[in-house]
PDB file of all heavy atoms in Angstrom:
ATOM      1  N   PHE A   1       0.850  -1.188   0.000  1.00  0.00           N
ATOM      2  CA  PHE A   1       0.000   0.000   0.000  1.00  0.00           C
ATOM      3  C   PHE A   1       0.882   1.232   0.000  1.00  0.00           C
ATOM      4  O   PHE A   1       2.100   1.136   0.191  1.00  0.00           O
ATOM      5  CB  PHE A   1      -0.976  -0.001   1.181  1.00  0.00           C
ATOM      6  CG  PHE A   1      -0.318   0.097   2.528  1.00  0.00           C
ATOM      7  CD1 PHE A   1      -0.243   1.304   3.207  1.00  0.00           C
ATOM      8  CD2 PHE A   1       0.231  -1.024   3.130  1.00  0.00           C
ATOM      9  CE1 PHE A   1       0.355   1.390   4.453  1.00  0.00           C
ATOM     10  CE2 PHE A   1       0.839  -0.950   4.382  1.00  0.00           C
ATOM     11  CZ  PHE A   1       0.894   0.264   5.038  1.00  0.00           C
ATOM     12  N   THR A   2       0.263   2.396  -0.207  1.00  0.00           N
ATOM     13  CA  THR A   2       1.021   3.639  -0.279  1.00  0.00           C
ATOM     14  C   THR A   2       1.305   4.134   1.130  1.00  0.00           C
ATOM     15  O   THR A   2       0.532   4.901   1.710  1.00  0.00           O
ATOM     16  CB  THR A   2       0.269   4.690  -1.094  1.00  0.00           C
ATOM     17  OG1 THR A   2      -0.080   4.157  -2.371  1.00  0.00           O
ATOM     18  CG2 THR A   2       1.146   5.924  -1.301  1.00  0.00           C
ATOM     19  N   PHE A   3       2.424   3.696   1.656  1.00  0.00           N
ATOM     20  CA  PHE A   3       2.782   3.949   3.046  1.00  0.00           C
ATOM     21  C   PHE A   3       2.731   5.433   3.401  1.00  0.00           C
ATOM     22  O   PHE A   3       2.253   5.805   4.483  1.00  0.00           O
ATOM     23  CB  PHE A   3       4.178   3.378   3.300  1.00  0.00           C
ATOM     24  CG  PHE A   3       4.698   3.595   4.690  1.00  0.00           C
ATOM     25  CD1 PHE A   3       4.309   2.766   5.728  1.00  0.00           C
ATOM     26  CD2 PHE A   3       5.590   4.620   4.956  1.00  0.00           C
ATOM     27  CE1 PHE A   3       4.791   2.951   7.009  1.00  0.00           C
ATOM     28  CE2 PHE A   3       6.089   4.819   6.237  1.00  0.00           C
ATOM     29  CZ  PHE A   3       5.680   3.980   7.264  1.00  0.00           C
ATOM     30  N   SER A   4       3.211   6.286   2.524  1.00  0.00           N
ATOM     31  CA  SER A   4       3.310   7.715   2.821  1.00  0.00           C
ATOM     32  C   SER A   4       1.956   8.395   2.978  1.00  0.00           C
ATOM     33  O   SER A   4       1.895   9.529   3.462  1.00  0.00           O
ATOM     34  CB  SER A   4       4.120   8.430   1.740  1.00  0.00           C
ATOM     35  OG  SER A   4       3.502   8.292   0.475  1.00  0.00           O
ATOM     36  N   ASN A   5       0.875   7.741   2.592  1.00  0.00           N
ATOM     37  CA  ASN A   5      -0.464   8.302   2.735  1.00  0.00           C
ATOM     38  C   ASN A   5      -1.166   7.853   4.015  1.00  0.00           C
ATOM     39  O   ASN A   5      -2.313   8.241   4.244  1.00  0.00           O
ATOM     40  CB  ASN A   5      -1.338   7.921   1.542  1.00  0.00           C
ATOM     41  CG  ASN A   5      -0.924   8.627   0.267  1.00  0.00           C
ATOM     42  OD1 ASN A   5      -0.222   9.634   0.296  1.00  0.00           O
ATOM     43  ND2 ASN A   5      -1.366   8.106  -0.868  1.00  0.00           N
ATOM     44  N   TYR A   6      -0.501   7.067   4.833  1.00  0.00           N
ATOM     45  CA  TYR A   6      -1.130   6.478   6.002  1.00  0.00           C
ATOM     46  C   TYR A   6      -0.517   6.980   7.293  1.00  0.00           C
ATOM     47  O   TYR A   6       0.716   7.057   7.430  1.00  0.00           O
ATOM     48  CB  TYR A   6      -0.994   4.945   5.962  1.00  0.00           C
ATOM     49  CG  TYR A   6      -1.954   4.280   5.016  1.00  0.00           C
ATOM     50  CD1 TYR A   6      -1.800   4.393   3.647  1.00  0.00           C
ATOM     51  CD2 TYR A   6      -3.023   3.530   5.508  1.00  0.00           C
ATOM     52  CE1 TYR A   6      -2.688   3.786   2.781  1.00  0.00           C
ATOM     53  CE2 TYR A   6      -3.906   2.916   4.648  1.00  0.00           C
ATOM     54  CZ  TYR A   6      -3.739   3.046   3.285  1.00  0.00           C
ATOM     55  OH  TYR A   6      -4.615   2.433   2.422  1.00  0.00           O
ATOM     56  N   ALA A   7      -1.373   7.307   8.240  1.00  0.00           N
ATOM     57  CA  ALA A   7      -0.920   7.483   9.608  1.00  0.00           C
ATOM     58  C   ALA A   7      -0.535   6.118  10.170  1.00  0.00           C
ATOM     59  O   ALA A   7      -1.098   5.094   9.785  1.00  0.00           O
ATOM     60  CB  ALA A   7      -2.014   8.118  10.463  1.00  0.00           C
ATOM     61  N   MET A   8       0.430   6.115  11.072  1.00  0.00           N
ATOM     62  CA  MET A   8       0.900   4.869  11.659  1.00  0.00           C
ATOM     63  C   MET A   8       0.788   4.927  13.170  1.00  0.00           C
ATOM     64  O   MET A   8       1.054   5.965  13.785  1.00  0.00           O
ATOM     65  CB  MET A   8       2.353   4.604  11.262  1.00  0.00           C
ATOM     66  CG  MET A   8       2.582   4.487   9.757  1.00  0.00           C
ATOM     67  SD  MET A   8       1.691   3.095   9.009  1.00  0.00           S
ATOM     68  CE  MET A   8       2.452   1.699   9.853  1.00  0.00           C
ATOM     69  N   SER A   9       0.403   3.812  13.748  1.00  0.00           N
ATOM     70  CA  SER A   9       0.240   3.717  15.190  1.00  0.00           C
ATOM     71  C   SER A   9       0.926   2.467  15.716  1.00  0.00           C
ATOM     72  O   SER A   9       1.097   1.483  14.997  1.00  0.00           O
ATOM     73  CB  SER A   9      -1.236   3.659  15.584  1.00  0.00           C
ATOM     74  OG  SER A   9      -1.920   4.836  15.225  1.00  0.00           O
ATOM     75  N   TRP A  10       1.287   2.534  16.989  1.00  0.00           N
ATOM     76  CA  TRP A  10       1.709   1.367  17.736  1.00  0.00           C
ATOM     77  C   TRP A  10       0.700   1.113  18.851  1.00  0.00           C
ATOM     78  O   TRP A  10       0.318   2.045  19.565  1.00  0.00           O
ATOM     79  CB  TRP A  10       3.098   1.550  18.344  1.00  0.00           C
ATOM     80  CG  TRP A  10       4.220   1.512  17.360  1.00  0.00           C
ATOM     81  CD1 TRP A  10       4.828   2.571  16.759  1.00  0.00           C
ATOM     82  CD2 TRP A  10       4.875   0.341  16.864  1.00  0.00           C
ATOM     83  NE1 TRP A  10       5.824   2.144  15.923  1.00  0.00           N
ATOM     84  CE2 TRP A  10       5.879   0.775  15.966  1.00  0.00           C
ATOM     85  CE3 TRP A  10       4.722  -1.027  17.094  1.00  0.00           C
ATOM     86  CZ2 TRP A  10       6.718  -0.115  15.289  1.00  0.00           C
ATOM     87  CZ3 TRP A  10       5.556  -1.909  16.423  1.00  0.00           C
ATOM     88  CH2 TRP A  10       6.531  -1.450  15.541  1.00  0.00           C
ATOM     89  N   TYR A  11       0.290  -0.138  18.970  1.00  0.00           N
ATOM     90  CA  TYR A  11      -0.558  -0.605  20.051  1.00  0.00           C
ATOM     91  C   TYR A  11       0.184  -1.679  20.819  1.00  0.00           C
ATOM     92  O   TYR A  11       1.147  -2.274  20.322  1.00  0.00           O
ATOM     93  CB  TYR A  11      -1.860  -1.203  19.516  1.00  0.00           C
ATOM     94  CG  TYR A  11      -2.864  -0.221  18.964  1.00  0.00           C
ATOM     95  CD1 TYR A  11      -2.670   0.405  17.739  1.00  0.00           C
ATOM     96  CD2 TYR A  11      -4.034   0.066  19.663  1.00  0.00           C
ATOM     97  CE1 TYR A  11      -3.597   1.293  17.226  1.00  0.00           C
ATOM     98  CE2 TYR A  11      -4.975   0.948  19.159  1.00  0.00           C
ATOM     99  CZ  TYR A  11      -4.751   1.552  17.936  1.00  0.00           C
ATOM    100  OH  TYR A  11      -5.689   2.426  17.436  1.00  0.00           O
ATOM    101  N   ARG A  12      -0.282  -1.952  22.020  1.00  0.00           N
ATOM    102  CA  ARG A  12       0.252  -3.079  22.768  1.00  0.00           C
ATOM    103  C   ARG A  12      -0.881  -3.796  23.489  1.00  0.00           C
ATOM    104  O   ARG A  12      -1.908  -3.200  23.801  1.00  0.00           O
ATOM    105  CB  ARG A  12       1.326  -2.652  23.763  1.00  0.00           C
ATOM    106  CG  ARG A  12       0.845  -1.764  24.902  1.00  0.00           C
ATOM    107  CD  ARG A  12       2.037  -1.267  25.714  1.00  0.00           C
ATOM    108  NE  ARG A  12       1.626  -0.403  26.809  1.00  0.00           N
ATOM    109  CZ  ARG A  12       2.457   0.321  27.543  1.00  0.00           C
ATOM    110  NH1 ARG A  12       3.768   0.290  27.292  1.00  0.00           N
ATOM    111  NH2 ARG A  12       2.002   1.086  28.536  1.00  0.00           N
ATOM    112  N   GLN A  13      -0.660  -5.072  23.754  1.00  0.00           N
ATOM    113  CA  GLN A  13      -1.685  -5.887  24.382  1.00  0.00           C
ATOM    114  C   GLN A  13      -1.054  -6.941  25.279  1.00  0.00           C
ATOM    115  O   GLN A  13      -0.095  -7.605  24.887  1.00  0.00           O
ATOM    116  CB  GLN A  13      -2.550  -6.567  23.325  1.00  0.00           C
ATOM    117  CG  GLN A  13      -3.746  -7.316  23.889  1.00  0.00           C
ATOM    118  CD  GLN A  13      -4.717  -7.727  22.815  1.00  0.00           C
ATOM    119  OE1 GLN A  13      -4.340  -7.905  21.658  1.00  0.00           O
ATOM    120  NE2 GLN A  13      -5.975  -7.864  23.182  1.00  0.00           N
ATOM    121  N   THR A  14      -1.598  -7.066  26.471  1.00  0.00           N
ATOM    122  CA  THR A  14      -1.237  -8.113  27.408  1.00  0.00           C
ATOM    123  C   THR A  14      -2.408  -9.084  27.487  1.00  0.00           C
ATOM    124  O   THR A  14      -3.567  -8.645  27.490  1.00  0.00           O
ATOM    125  CB  THR A  14      -0.936  -7.527  28.791  1.00  0.00           C
ATOM    126  OG1 THR A  14       0.162  -6.621  28.699  1.00  0.00           O
ATOM    127  CG2 THR A  14      -0.596  -8.621  29.794  1.00  0.00           C
ATOM    128  N   PRO A  15      -2.145 -10.396  27.544  1.00  0.00           N
ATOM    129  CA  PRO A  15      -3.249 -11.351  27.636  1.00  0.00           C
ATOM    130  C   PRO A  15      -4.230 -10.999  28.745  1.00  0.00           C
ATOM    131  O   PRO A  15      -3.830 -10.693  29.869  1.00  0.00           O
ATOM    132  CB  PRO A  15      -2.542 -12.677  27.915  1.00  0.00           C
ATOM    133  CG  PRO A  15      -1.213 -12.513  27.257  1.00  0.00           C
ATOM    134  CD  PRO A  15      -0.843 -11.064  27.478  1.00  0.00           C
ATOM    135  N   GLY A  16      -5.510 -11.010  28.409  1.00  0.00           N
ATOM    136  CA  GLY A  16      -6.543 -10.666  29.362  1.00  0.00           C
ATOM    137  C   GLY A  16      -6.876  -9.194  29.436  1.00  0.00           C
ATOM    138  O   GLY A  16      -7.803  -8.820  30.158  1.00  0.00           O
ATOM    139  N   LYS A  17      -6.140  -8.359  28.714  1.00  0.00           N
ATOM    140  CA  LYS A  17      -6.391  -6.932  28.698  1.00  0.00           C
ATOM    141  C   LYS A  17      -6.703  -6.476  27.275  1.00  0.00           C
ATOM    142  O   LYS A  17      -6.321  -7.119  26.301  1.00  0.00           O
ATOM    143  CB  LYS A  17      -5.187  -6.156  29.225  1.00  0.00           C
ATOM    144  CG  LYS A  17      -4.816  -6.463  30.663  1.00  0.00           C
ATOM    145  CD  LYS A  17      -3.612  -5.645  31.103  1.00  0.00           C
ATOM    146  CE  LYS A  17      -3.228  -5.952  32.531  1.00  0.00           C
ATOM    147  NZ  LYS A  17      -2.021  -5.180  32.946  1.00  0.00           N
ATOM    148  N   GLU A  18      -7.383  -5.343  27.179  1.00  0.00           N
ATOM    149  CA  GLU A  18      -7.702  -4.801  25.867  1.00  0.00           C
ATOM    150  C   GLU A  18      -6.460  -4.201  25.220  1.00  0.00           C
ATOM    151  O   GLU A  18      -5.508  -3.805  25.900  1.00  0.00           O
ATOM    152  CB  GLU A  18      -8.806  -3.748  25.972  1.00  0.00           C
ATOM    153  CG  GLU A  18      -8.397  -2.487  26.702  1.00  0.00           C
ATOM    154  CD  GLU A  18      -9.522  -1.475  26.798  1.00  0.00           C
ATOM    155  OE1 GLU A  18     -10.679  -1.851  26.555  1.00  0.00           O
ATOM    156  OE2 GLU A  18      -9.249  -0.300  27.117  1.00  0.00           O
ATOM    157  N   ARG A  19      -6.477  -4.153  23.914  1.00  0.00           N
ATOM    158  CA  ARG A  19      -5.384  -3.550  23.193  1.00  0.00           C
ATOM    159  C   ARG A  19      -5.347  -2.042  23.445  1.00  0.00           C
ATOM    160  O   ARG A  19      -6.370  -1.360  23.375  1.00  0.00           O
ATOM    161  CB  ARG A  19      -5.521  -3.857  21.707  1.00  0.00           C
ATOM    162  CG  ARG A  19      -4.283  -3.558  20.892  1.00  0.00           C
ATOM    163  CD  ARG A  19      -4.385  -4.158  19.487  1.00  0.00           C
ATOM    164  NE  ARG A  19      -4.390  -5.621  19.512  1.00  0.00           N
ATOM    165  CZ  ARG A  19      -4.356  -6.377  18.426  1.00  0.00           C
ATOM    166  NH1 ARG A  19      -4.310  -5.824  17.223  1.00  0.00           N
ATOM    167  NH2 ARG A  19      -4.384  -7.698  18.543  1.00  0.00           N
ATOM    168  N   GLU A  20      -4.162  -1.522  23.708  1.00  0.00           N
ATOM    169  CA  GLU A  20      -3.973  -0.138  24.117  1.00  0.00           C
ATOM    170  C   GLU A  20      -3.209   0.636  23.057  1.00  0.00           C
ATOM    171  O   GLU A  20      -2.170   0.180  22.575  1.00  0.00           O
ATOM    172  CB  GLU A  20      -3.205  -0.101  25.446  1.00  0.00           C
ATOM    173  CG  GLU A  20      -2.790   1.284  25.909  1.00  0.00           C
ATOM    174  CD  GLU A  20      -1.817   1.247  27.075  1.00  0.00           C
ATOM    175  OE1 GLU A  20      -1.169   0.203  27.289  1.00  0.00           O
ATOM    176  OE2 GLU A  20      -1.715   2.265  27.791  1.00  0.00           O
ATOM    177  N   LEU A  21      -3.708   1.812  22.722  1.00  0.00           N
ATOM    178  CA  LEU A  21      -2.985   2.696  21.807  1.00  0.00           C
ATOM    179  C   LEU A  21      -1.799   3.303  22.541  1.00  0.00           C
ATOM    180  O   LEU A  21      -1.959   3.944  23.579  1.00  0.00           O
ATOM    181  CB  LEU A  21      -3.903   3.795  21.284  1.00  0.00           C
ATOM    182  CG  LEU A  21      -3.256   4.860  20.394  1.00  0.00           C
ATOM    183  CD1 LEU A  21      -2.709   4.245  19.116  1.00  0.00           C
ATOM    184  CD2 LEU A  21      -4.249   5.970  20.072  1.00  0.00           C
ATOM    185  N   VAL A  22      -0.614   3.129  21.984  1.00  0.00           N
ATOM    186  CA  VAL A  22       0.611   3.638  22.580  1.00  0.00           C
ATOM    187  C   VAL A  22       0.998   4.981  21.987  1.00  0.00           C
ATOM    188  O   VAL A  22       1.290   5.934  22.714  1.00  0.00           O
ATOM    189  CB  VAL A  22       1.760   2.628  22.403  1.00  0.00           C
ATOM    190  CG1 VAL A  22       3.069   3.194  22.945  1.00  0.00           C
ATOM    191  CG2 VAL A  22       1.423   1.311  23.095  1.00  0.00           C
ATOM    192  N   THR A  23       1.015   5.056  20.658  1.00  0.00           N
ATOM    193  CA  THR A  23       1.436   6.275  19.986  1.00  0.00           C
ATOM    194  C   THR A  23       0.976   6.264  18.540  1.00  0.00           C
ATOM    195  O   THR A  23       0.759   5.202  17.951  1.00  0.00           O
ATOM    196  CB  THR A  23       2.971   6.438  20.052  1.00  0.00           C
ATOM    197  OG1 THR A  23       3.376   7.643  19.403  1.00  0.00           O
ATOM    198  CG2 THR A  23       3.670   5.248  19.383  1.00  0.00           C
ATOM    199  N   THR A  24       0.820   7.453  17.976  1.00  0.00           N
ATOM    200  CA  THR A  24       0.406   7.625  16.596  1.00  0.00           C
ATOM    201  C   THR A  24       1.227   8.726  15.945  1.00  0.00           C
ATOM    202  O   THR A  24       1.552   9.729  16.590  1.00  0.00           O
ATOM    203  CB  THR A  24      -1.087   7.999  16.501  1.00  0.00           C
ATOM    204  OG1 THR A  24      -1.880   6.941  17.031  1.00  0.00           O
ATOM    205  CG2 THR A  24      -1.504   8.247  15.055  1.00  0.00           C
ATOM    206  N   MET A  25       1.535   8.544  14.681  1.00  0.00           N
ATOM    207  CA  MET A  25       2.204   9.573  13.890  1.00  0.00           C
ATOM    208  C   MET A  25       1.439   9.774  12.592  1.00  0.00           C
ATOM    209  O   MET A  25       1.033   8.817  11.933  1.00  0.00           O
ATOM    210  CB  MET A  25       3.650   9.185  13.599  1.00  0.00           C
ATOM    211  CG  MET A  25       4.374  10.160  12.663  1.00  0.00           C
ATOM    212  SD  MET A  25       6.161   9.863  12.570  1.00  0.00           S
ATOM    213  CE  MET A  25       6.705  10.795  14.010  1.00  0.00           C
ATOM    214  N   SER A  26       1.265  11.029  12.203  1.00  0.00           N
ATOM    215  CA  SER A  26       0.585  11.355  10.966  1.00  0.00           C
ATOM    216  C   SER A  26       1.402  10.880   9.771  1.00  0.00           C
ATOM    217  O   SER A  26       2.568  10.504   9.884  1.00  0.00           O
ATOM    218  CB  SER A  26       0.334  12.856  10.867  1.00  0.00           C
ATOM    219  OG  SER A  26       1.560  13.573  10.850  1.00  0.00           O
ATOM    220  N   SER A  27       0.767  10.914   8.602  1.00  0.00           N
ATOM    221  CA  SER A  27       1.403  10.374   7.408  1.00  0.00           C
ATOM    222  C   SER A  27       2.705  11.077   7.054  1.00  0.00           C
ATOM    223  O   SER A  27       3.635  10.440   6.552  1.00  0.00           O
ATOM    224  CB  SER A  27       0.431  10.432   6.226  1.00  0.00           C
ATOM    225  OG  SER A  27       0.033  11.771   5.963  1.00  0.00           O
ATOM    226  N   THR A  28       2.768  12.372   7.305  1.00  0.00           N
ATOM    227  CA  THR A  28       3.971  13.143   6.995  1.00  0.00           C
ATOM    228  C   THR A  28       4.976  13.174   8.133  1.00  0.00           C
ATOM    229  O   THR A  28       6.104  13.633   7.948  1.00  0.00           O
ATOM    230  CB  THR A  28       3.613  14.589   6.634  1.00  0.00           C
ATOM    231  OG1 THR A  28       3.032  15.233   7.775  1.00  0.00           O
ATOM    232  CG2 THR A  28       2.638  14.630   5.471  1.00  0.00           C
ATOM    233  N   GLY A  29       4.571  12.722   9.301  1.00  0.00           N
ATOM    234  CA  GLY A  29       5.426  12.816  10.466  1.00  0.00           C
ATOM    235  C   GLY A  29       5.342  14.140  11.187  1.00  0.00           C
ATOM    236  O   GLY A  29       6.085  14.364  12.146  1.00  0.00           O
ATOM    237  N   SER A  30       4.435  15.011  10.757  1.00  0.00           N
ATOM    238  CA  SER A  30       4.340  16.340  11.341  1.00  0.00           C
ATOM    239  C   SER A  30       3.591  16.370  12.665  1.00  0.00           C
ATOM    240  O   SER A  30       3.670  17.367  13.391  1.00  0.00           O
ATOM    241  CB  SER A  30       3.663  17.296  10.358  1.00  0.00           C
ATOM    242  OG  SER A  30       2.340  16.881  10.080  1.00  0.00           O
ATOM    243  N   SER A  31       2.863  15.318  12.975  1.00  0.00           N
ATOM    244  CA  SER A  31       2.060  15.284  14.188  1.00  0.00           C
ATOM    245  C   SER A  31       2.203  13.933  14.862  1.00  0.00           C
ATOM    246  O   SER A  31       2.178  12.896  14.196  1.00  0.00           O
ATOM    247  CB  SER A  31       0.594  15.557  13.863  1.00  0.00           C
ATOM    248  OG  SER A  31      -0.211  15.501  15.021  1.00  0.00           O
ATOM    249  N   THR A  32       2.340  13.959  16.181  1.00  0.00           N
ATOM    250  CA  THR A  32       2.420  12.728  16.969  1.00  0.00           C
ATOM    251  C   THR A  32       1.593  12.872  18.233  1.00  0.00           C
ATOM    252  O   THR A  32       1.318  13.977  18.691  1.00  0.00           O
ATOM    253  CB  THR A  32       3.861  12.392  17.367  1.00  0.00           C
ATOM    254  OG1 THR A  32       4.404  13.466  18.151  1.00  0.00           O
ATOM    255  CG2 THR A  32       4.739  12.179  16.143  1.00  0.00           C
ATOM    256  N   ASN A  33       1.206  11.752  18.800  1.00  0.00           N
ATOM    257  CA  ASN A  33       0.649  11.744  20.133  1.00  0.00           C
ATOM    258  C   ASN A  33       1.078  10.465  20.844  1.00  0.00           C
ATOM    259  O   ASN A  33       1.431   9.476  20.202  1.00  0.00           O
ATOM    260  CB  ASN A  33      -0.869  11.934  20.146  1.00  0.00           C
ATOM    261  CG  ASN A  33      -1.627  10.793  19.490  1.00  0.00           C
ATOM    262  OD1 ASN A  33      -1.056   9.912  18.847  1.00  0.00           O
ATOM    263  ND2 ASN A  33      -2.942  10.811  19.651  1.00  0.00           N
ATOM    264  N   TYR A  34       1.033  10.518  22.181  1.00  0.00           N
ATOM    265  CA  TYR A  34       1.499   9.415  23.006  1.00  0.00           C
ATOM    266  C   TYR A  34       0.549   9.192  24.159  1.00  0.00           C
ATOM    267  O   TYR A  34      -0.022  10.137  24.702  1.00  0.00           O
ATOM    268  CB  TYR A  34       2.886   9.704  23.582  1.00  0.00           C
ATOM    269  CG  TYR A  34       3.979   9.839  22.559  1.00  0.00           C
ATOM    270  CD1 TYR A  34       4.278  11.077  21.994  1.00  0.00           C
ATOM    271  CD2 TYR A  34       4.720   8.736  22.159  1.00  0.00           C
ATOM    272  CE1 TYR A  34       5.281  11.206  21.052  1.00  0.00           C
ATOM    273  CE2 TYR A  34       5.726   8.857  21.220  1.00  0.00           C
ATOM    274  CZ  TYR A  34       6.006  10.089  20.669  1.00  0.00           C
ATOM    275  OH  TYR A  34       7.010  10.219  19.735  1.00  0.00           O
ATOM    276  N   ALA A  35       0.412   7.940  24.541  1.00  0.00           N
ATOM    277  CA  ALA A  35      -0.271   7.643  25.786  1.00  0.00           C
ATOM    278  C   ALA A  35       0.516   8.246  26.943  1.00  0.00           C
ATOM    279  O   ALA A  35       1.749   8.304  26.910  1.00  0.00           O
ATOM    280  CB  ALA A  35      -0.410   6.133  25.978  1.00  0.00           C
ATOM    281  N   ASP A  36      -0.199   8.697  27.969  1.00  0.00           N
ATOM    282  CA  ASP A  36       0.478   9.312  29.107  1.00  0.00           C
ATOM    283  C   ASP A  36       1.516   8.383  29.733  1.00  0.00           C
ATOM    284  O   ASP A  36       2.550   8.843  30.229  1.00  0.00           O
ATOM    285  CB  ASP A  36      -0.544   9.720  30.170  1.00  0.00           C
ATOM    286  CG  ASP A  36      -1.362  10.928  29.768  1.00  0.00           C
ATOM    287  OD1 ASP A  36      -0.951  11.658  28.843  1.00  0.00           O
ATOM    288  OD2 ASP A  36      -2.418  11.152  30.389  1.00  0.00           O
ATOM    289  N   SER A  37       1.252   7.098  29.701  1.00  0.00           N
ATOM    290  CA  SER A  37       2.135   6.139  30.340  1.00  0.00           C
ATOM    291  C   SER A  37       3.498   6.016  29.672  1.00  0.00           C
ATOM    292  O   SER A  37       4.431   5.495  30.277  1.00  0.00           O
ATOM    293  CB  SER A  37       1.466   4.760  30.393  1.00  0.00           C
ATOM    294  OG  SER A  37       1.165   4.297  29.086  1.00  0.00           O
ATOM    295  N   VAL A  38       3.619   6.486  28.425  1.00  0.00           N
ATOM    296  CA  VAL A  38       4.883   6.342  27.704  1.00  0.00           C
ATOM    297  C   VAL A  38       5.505   7.671  27.314  1.00  0.00           C
ATOM    298  O   VAL A  38       6.611   7.687  26.754  1.00  0.00           O
ATOM    299  CB  VAL A  38       4.724   5.463  26.447  1.00  0.00           C
ATOM    300  CG1 VAL A  38       4.086   4.130  26.798  1.00  0.00           C
ATOM    301  CG2 VAL A  38       3.918   6.181  25.369  1.00  0.00           C
ATOM    302  N   LYS A  39       4.835   8.775  27.605  1.00  0.00           N
ATOM    303  CA  LYS A  39       5.389  10.085  27.258  1.00  0.00           C
ATOM    304  C   LYS A  39       6.766  10.271  27.887  1.00  0.00           C
ATOM    305  O   LYS A  39       6.996   9.910  29.026  1.00  0.00           O
ATOM    306  CB  LYS A  39       4.454  11.198  27.720  1.00  0.00           C
ATOM    307  CG  LYS A  39       3.218  11.358  26.863  1.00  0.00           C
ATOM    308  CD  LYS A  39       2.347  12.498  27.359  1.00  0.00           C
ATOM    309  CE  LYS A  39       1.126  12.679  26.485  1.00  0.00           C
ATOM    310  NZ  LYS A  39       0.240  13.744  26.990  1.00  0.00           N
ATOM    311  N   ASP A  40       7.670  10.840  27.125  1.00  0.00           N
ATOM    312  CA  ASP A  40       9.046  11.128  27.529  1.00  0.00           C
ATOM    313  C   ASP A  40       9.918   9.887  27.608  1.00  0.00           C
ATOM    314  O   ASP A  40      11.099   9.991  27.970  1.00  0.00           O
ATOM    315  CB  ASP A  40       9.098  11.891  28.857  1.00  0.00           C
ATOM    316  CG  ASP A  40       8.329  13.193  28.814  1.00  0.00           C
ATOM    317  OD1 ASP A  40       8.420  13.907  27.797  1.00  0.00           O
ATOM    318  OD2 ASP A  40       7.636  13.503  29.805  1.00  0.00           O
TER     319      ASP A  40
END
């Protein structure tokens, strides 16, 4: 697929728990966000 047109995210999951959004980056890399637990 056209990678440069897609925002990308990382999630994590522990057995028995729901999948958690860790971080996201926009398609150009100009914008990011992080879960509070992983900031810094």
